[in-house]
C-alpha cells in the first residue's frame, strides 16, 4: 500500500473477483485501474543483466 492505494499484480481478468472480495471484506473500492510498464521500464528490465561487449568499454580516441 502506498499513496493511500492498494497495488496488486494480478491478471486483468481477475479484476471483478478481486473487487468483489475487497467489498465483501469491508474495503471501499473507488477505482480499479490497469497499468502497464513504461517503455523505459521494459528496456531496463530487458537489458539489466547484460554484459557490455569488451570493445564498448574501451575509450575512443
Protein backbone atom coordinates (compact mmCIF):
# COMPACT_ATOMS: atom_id res chain seq x y z
CA UNK A 1 0.00 0.00 0.00
CA UNK A 2 1.34 3.43 -0.92
CA UNK A 3 -0.23 6.83 -1.54
CA UNK A 4 -3.49 5.58 0.02
CA UNK A 5 -3.77 3.00 -2.74
CA UNK A 6 -3.53 -0.77 -2.85
CA UNK A 7 -1.39 -2.07 -5.71
CA UNK A 8 -1.82 -5.65 -6.87
CA UNK A 9 -0.05 -7.64 -9.53
CA UNK A 10 -2.84 -9.75 -10.98
CA UNK A 11 -4.28 -10.64 -14.39
CA UNK A 12 -6.90 -8.16 -15.64
CA UNK A 13 -9.48 -10.94 -15.99
CA UNK A 14 -9.48 -11.30 -12.17
CA UNK A 15 -10.49 -7.66 -11.59
CA UNK A 16 -14.15 -8.45 -10.84
CA UNK A 17 -13.26 -11.23 -8.42
CA UNK A 18 -10.70 -9.06 -6.61
CA UNK A 19 -13.18 -6.18 -6.40
CA UNK A 20 -15.89 -8.47 -5.02
CA UNK A 21 -13.58 -9.86 -2.32
CA UNK A 22 -12.41 -6.40 -1.29
CA UNK A 23 -16.01 -5.13 -0.98
CA UNK A 24 -17.11 -8.27 0.90
CA UNK A 25 -14.23 -7.62 3.33
CA UNK A 26 -15.43 -4.09 4.00
CA UNK A 27 -12.94 -2.25 1.78
CA UNK A 28 -14.40 0.69 -0.13
CA UNK A 29 -13.23 0.41 -3.73
CA UNK A 30 -13.24 3.72 -5.57
CA UNK A 31 -11.34 2.73 -8.68
CA UNK A 32 -9.72 -0.22 -10.40
CA UNK A 33 -7.05 0.74 -12.86
CA UNK A 34 -4.95 -1.30 -15.28
CA UNK A 35 -1.40 -0.13 -15.67
CA UNK A 36 1.41 -1.14 -17.95
CA UNK A 37 5.12 -0.52 -17.57
CA UNK A 38 6.67 2.36 -19.46
CA UNK A 39 8.84 1.69 -22.48
CA UNK A 40 11.85 2.77 -20.40
CA UNK A 41 10.99 0.27 -17.63
CA UNK A 42 10.68 -2.54 -20.18
CA UNK A 43 14.02 -1.62 -21.77
CA UNK A 44 15.79 -1.50 -18.41
CA UNK A 45 14.31 -4.85 -17.38
CA UNK A 46 15.39 -6.48 -20.64
CA UNK A 47 18.92 -5.11 -20.51
CA UNK A 48 19.74 -5.09 -16.78
CA UNK A 49 21.73 -8.33 -16.69
CA UNK A 50 23.52 -7.99 -19.99
CA UNK A 51 27.24 -7.51 -20.01
CA UNK A 52 28.65 -4.78 -22.18
CA UNK A 53 30.83 -6.07 -25.04
CA UNK A 54 34.57 -5.58 -24.35
CA UNK A 55 35.00 -3.21 -27.30
CA UNK A 56 32.26 -0.94 -25.93
CA UNK A 57 34.23 -0.32 -22.73
CA UNK A 58 37.34 1.00 -24.43
CA UNK A 59 37.65 4.76 -24.75
CA UNK A 60 37.59 6.19 -28.23
CA UNK A 61 40.44 8.44 -29.17
